[in-house]
C-alpha atoms as a PDB file:
ATOM      1  CA  UNK A   1       0.000   0.000   0.000  1.00  0.00           C
ATOM      2  CA  UNK A   2       1.427   3.333  -1.102  1.00  0.00           C
ATOM      3  CA  UNK A   3       1.536   6.015   1.564  1.00  0.00           C
ATOM      4  CA  UNK A   4       2.900   9.546   1.784  1.00  0.00           C
ATOM      5  CA  UNK A   5       2.487  10.950   5.282  1.00  0.00           C
ATOM      6  CA  UNK A   6       3.211  14.626   5.854  1.00  0.00           C
ATOM      7  CA  UNK A   7       3.913  16.215   9.224  1.00  0.00           C
ATOM      8  CA  UNK A   8       5.327  19.418  10.667  1.00  0.00           C
ATOM      9  CA  UNK A   9       2.612  21.886   9.764  1.00  0.00           C
ATOM     10  CA  UNK A  10       1.140  24.323  12.236  1.00  0.00           C
ATOM     11  CA  UNK A  11       0.747  27.956  13.207  1.00  0.00           C
ATOM     12  CA  UNK A  12       3.761  30.249  12.944  1.00  0.00           C
ATOM     13  CA  UNK A  13       4.260  34.005  13.099  1.00  0.00           C
ATOM     14  CA  UNK A  14       5.418  35.968  10.054  1.00  0.00           C
ATOM     15  CA  UNK A  15       9.180  35.687   9.733  1.00  0.00           C
ATOM     16  CA  UNK A  16       9.218  32.322  11.446  1.00  0.00           C
ATOM     17  CA  UNK A  17      10.250  28.905  10.202  1.00  0.00           C
ATOM     18  CA  UNK A  18       8.767  25.455   9.828  1.00  0.00           C
ATOM     19  CA  UNK A  19      10.124  22.157   8.592  1.00  0.00           C
ATOM     20  CA  UNK A  20       7.748  19.784   6.857  1.00  0.00           C
ATOM     21  CA  UNK A  21       8.478  16.075   6.539  1.00  0.00           C
ATOM     22  CA  UNK A  22       6.965  13.465   4.274  1.00  0.00           C
ATOM     23  CA  UNK A  23       7.598   9.781   4.905  1.00  0.00           C
ATOM     24  CA  UNK A  24       7.003   7.444   1.969  1.00  0.00           C
ATOM     25  CA  UNK A  25       6.214   3.743   1.905  1.00  0.00           C
ATOM     26  CA  UNK A  26       4.948   1.129  -0.520  1.00  0.00           C
ATOM     27  CA  UNK A  27       6.962   2.212  -3.578  1.00  0.00           C
ATOM     28  CA  UNK A  28      10.663   2.593  -4.528  1.00  0.00           C
ATOM     29  CA  UNK A  29      11.149   6.098  -3.130  1.00  0.00           C
ATOM     30  CA  UNK A  30      14.665   6.587  -4.463  1.00  0.00           C
ATOM     31  CA  UNK A  31      13.430   6.211  -8.063  1.00  0.00           C
ATOM     32  CA  UNK A  32      10.934   9.050  -7.774  1.00  0.00           C
ATOM     33  CA  UNK A  33      11.144  12.790  -8.206  1.00  0.00           C
ATOM     34  CA  UNK A  34       9.608  14.406  -5.147  1.00  0.00           C
ATOM     35  CA  UNK A  35       7.632  17.626  -5.028  1.00  0.00           C
ATOM     36  CA  UNK A  36       5.899  19.844  -2.525  1.00  0.00           C
ATOM     37  CA  UNK A  37       2.742  21.627  -3.610  1.00  0.00           C
ATOM     38  CA  UNK A  38       0.410  23.956  -1.765  1.00  0.00           C
ATOM     39  CA  UNK A  39      -3.213  24.936  -2.137  1.00  0.00           C
ATOM     40  CA  UNK A  40      -5.528  27.529  -0.658  1.00  0.00           C
ATOM     41  CA  UNK A  41      -9.329  27.395  -0.898  1.00  0.00           C
ATOM     42  CA  UNK A  42     -10.597  28.334  -4.343  1.00  0.00           C
ATOM     43  CA  UNK A  43      -7.117  28.313  -5.858  1.00  0.00           C
ATOM     44  CA  UNK A  44      -5.270  25.825  -8.036  1.00  0.00           C
ATOM     45  CA  UNK A  45      -2.581  23.693  -6.481  1.00  0.00           C
ATOM     46  CA  UNK A  46       0.821  25.402  -6.770  1.00  0.00           C
ATOM     47  CA  UNK A  47       4.155  23.607  -7.127  1.00  0.00           C
ATOM     48  CA  UNK A  48       6.620  25.091  -4.620  1.00  0.00           C
ATOM     49  CA  UNK A  49       9.619  22.742  -4.677  1.00  0.00           C
ATOM     50  CA  UNK A  50      11.049  19.846  -6.686  1.00  0.00           C
ATOM     51  CA  UNK A  51      13.962  17.502  -6.048  1.00  0.00           C
ATOM     52  CA  UNK A  52      15.222  14.820  -8.391  1.00  0.00           C
ATOM     53  CA  UNK A  53      15.537  11.177  -7.386  1.00  0.00           C
ATOM     54  CA  UNK A  54      19.189  11.450  -6.371  1.00  0.00           C
ATOM     55  CA  UNK A  55      18.780  14.887  -4.835  1.00  0.00           C
ATOM     56  CA  UNK A  56      21.166  16.383  -7.338  1.00  0.00           C
ATOM     57  CA  UNK A  57      18.792  19.001  -8.684  1.00  0.00           C
ATOM     58  CA  UNK A  58      16.211  21.207  -7.026  1.00  0.00           C
ATOM     59  CA  UNK A  59      13.849  23.829  -8.385  1.00  0.00           C
ATOM     60  CA  UNK A  60      11.609  26.522  -6.915  1.00  0.00           C
ATOM     61  CA  UNK A  61       9.242  29.185  -8.210  1.00  0.00           C
ATOM     62  CA  UNK A  62      10.199  32.798  -7.604  1.00  0.00           C
ATOM     63  CA  UNK A  63       7.548  33.088  -4.873  1.00  0.00           C
ATOM     64  CA  UNK A  64       9.574  30.885  -2.500  1.00  0.00           C
ATOM     65  CA  UNK A  65      13.109  30.938  -3.937  1.00  0.00           C
ATOM     66  CA  UNK A  66      15.660  31.806  -1.280  1.00  0.00           C
ATOM     67  CA  UNK A  67      13.222  31.022   1.543  1.00  0.00           C
ATOM     68  CA  UNK A  68      12.279  27.360   0.984  1.00  0.00           C
ATOM     69  CA  UNK A  69      14.678  24.424   0.716  1.00  0.00           C
ATOM     70  CA  UNK A  70      13.713  20.910  -0.336  1.00  0.00           C
ATOM     71  CA  UNK A  71      15.892  17.955   0.617  1.00  0.00           C
ATOM     72  CA  UNK A  72      15.586  14.199   0.807  1.00  0.00           C
ATOM     73  CA  UNK A  73      17.059  11.264   2.679  1.00  0.00           C
ATOM     74  CA  UNK A  74      16.754   8.183   0.500  1.00  0.00           C
ATOM     75  CA  UNK A  75      17.900   5.960   3.358  1.00  0.00           C
ATOM     76  CA  UNK A  76      14.853   7.075   5.351  1.00  0.00           C
ATOM     77  CA  UNK A  77      12.401   7.373   2.430  1.00  0.00           C
ATOM     78  CA  UNK A  78      11.744  10.921   3.547  1.00  0.00           C
ATOM     79  CA  UNK A  79      11.562  14.308   1.856  1.00  0.00           C
ATOM     80  CA  UNK A  80      11.702  17.602   3.732  1.00  0.00           C
ATOM     81  CA  UNK A  81      10.695  21.192   3.122  1.00  0.00           C
ATOM     82  CA  UNK A  82      12.472  23.794   5.212  1.00  0.00           C
ATOM     83  CA  UNK A  83      10.514  27.035   5.129  1.00  0.00           C
ATOM     84  CA  UNK A  84      12.132  30.217   6.443  1.00  0.00           C
ATOM     85  CA  UNK A  85      11.015  33.842   6.623  1.00  0.00           C
ATOM     86  CA  UNK A  86       7.419  32.745   6.271  1.00  0.00           C
ATOM     87  CA  UNK A  87       4.834  35.220   5.026  1.00  0.00           C
ATOM     88  CA  UNK A  88       1.065  35.320   5.408  1.00  0.00           C
ATOM     89  CA  UNK A  89       0.726  34.401   1.732  1.00  0.00           C
ATOM     90  CA  UNK A  90       2.463  31.088   2.473  1.00  0.00           C
ATOM     91  CA  UNK A  91      -0.622  29.994   4.387  1.00  0.00           C
ATOM     92  CA  UNK A  92      -1.959  26.885   2.660  1.00  0.00           C
ATOM     93  CA  UNK A  93      -2.322  23.133   2.830  1.00  0.00           C
ATOM     94  CA  UNK A  94       1.006  21.628   1.781  1.00  0.00           C
ATOM     95  CA  UNK A  95       1.044  18.329  -0.112  1.00  0.00           C
ATOM     96  CA  UNK A  96       3.848  15.873  -0.729  1.00  0.00           C
ATOM     97  CA  UNK A  97       3.913  14.380  -4.234  1.00  0.00           C
ATOM     98  CA  UNK A  98       5.922  11.574  -5.818  1.00  0.00           C
ATOM     99  CA  UNK A  99       6.349  11.214  -9.574  1.00  0.00           C
ATOM    100  CA  UNK A 100       8.010   8.666 -11.812  1.00  0.00           C
ATOM    101  CA  UNK A 101       8.196   9.360 -15.541  1.00  0.00           C
ATOM    102  CA  UNK A 102       9.822   6.171 -16.842  1.00  0.00           C
ATOM    103  CA  UNK A 103       9.260   3.409 -17.707  1.00  0.00           C
ATOM    104  CA  UNK A 104       5.710   4.665 -17.136  1.00  0.00           C
ATOM    105  CA  UNK A 105       4.169   7.670 -15.453  1.00  0.00           C
ATOM    106  CA  UNK A 106       3.116   7.086 -11.854  1.00  0.00           C
ATOM    107  CA  UNK A 107       2.094   9.643  -9.268  1.00  0.00           C
ATOM    108  CA  UNK A 108       1.191   9.566  -5.588  1.00  0.00           C
ATOM    109  CA  UNK A 109      -0.075  12.239  -3.184  1.00  0.00           C
ATOM    110  CA  UNK A 110      -0.084  12.714   0.548  1.00  0.00           C
ATOM    111  CA  UNK A 111      -3.091  13.899   2.534  1.00  0.00           C
ATOM    112  CA  UNK A 112      -1.677  17.359   3.205  1.00  0.00           C
ATOM    113  CA  UNK A 113      -0.630  19.347   6.238  1.00  0.00           C
ATOM    114  CA  UNK A 114      -1.911  22.807   7.144  1.00  0.00           C
ATOM    115  CA  UNK A 115       0.522  25.698   7.436  1.00  0.00           C
ATOM    116  CA  UNK A 116      -0.849  28.932   8.847  1.00  0.00           C
ATOM    117  CA  UNK A 117       1.274  32.081   9.017  1.00  0.00           C
ATOM    118  CA  UNK A 118      -0.348  34.663  11.238  1.00  0.00           C
ATOM    119  CA  UNK A 119       0.447  37.001  14.114  1.00  0.00           C
END
């Protein structure tokens, strides 16, 4: 059974930090590109961080570049999202996502964890 279980969300003041974790099971984690997405009510899901299977490449949109850092530990089947200098506009449900493009496309999603940035 495939599972992606996120944790680490919560309430934080503007300027604060949080570290999200996502533990994977039921599939070969080290073969998958891992992503973090976020979504607010009424909005489309937004990709905020990507890391390749070996961890050699990462990518971020301008909205979080320099503040968010994605990393992974393939020995622990875990991907992380370190979020610093948080802003109110970072408030969202954050989802962990696994993708494999070859030999066939496969994709898995976690259940999400709420991040609220407010004073």
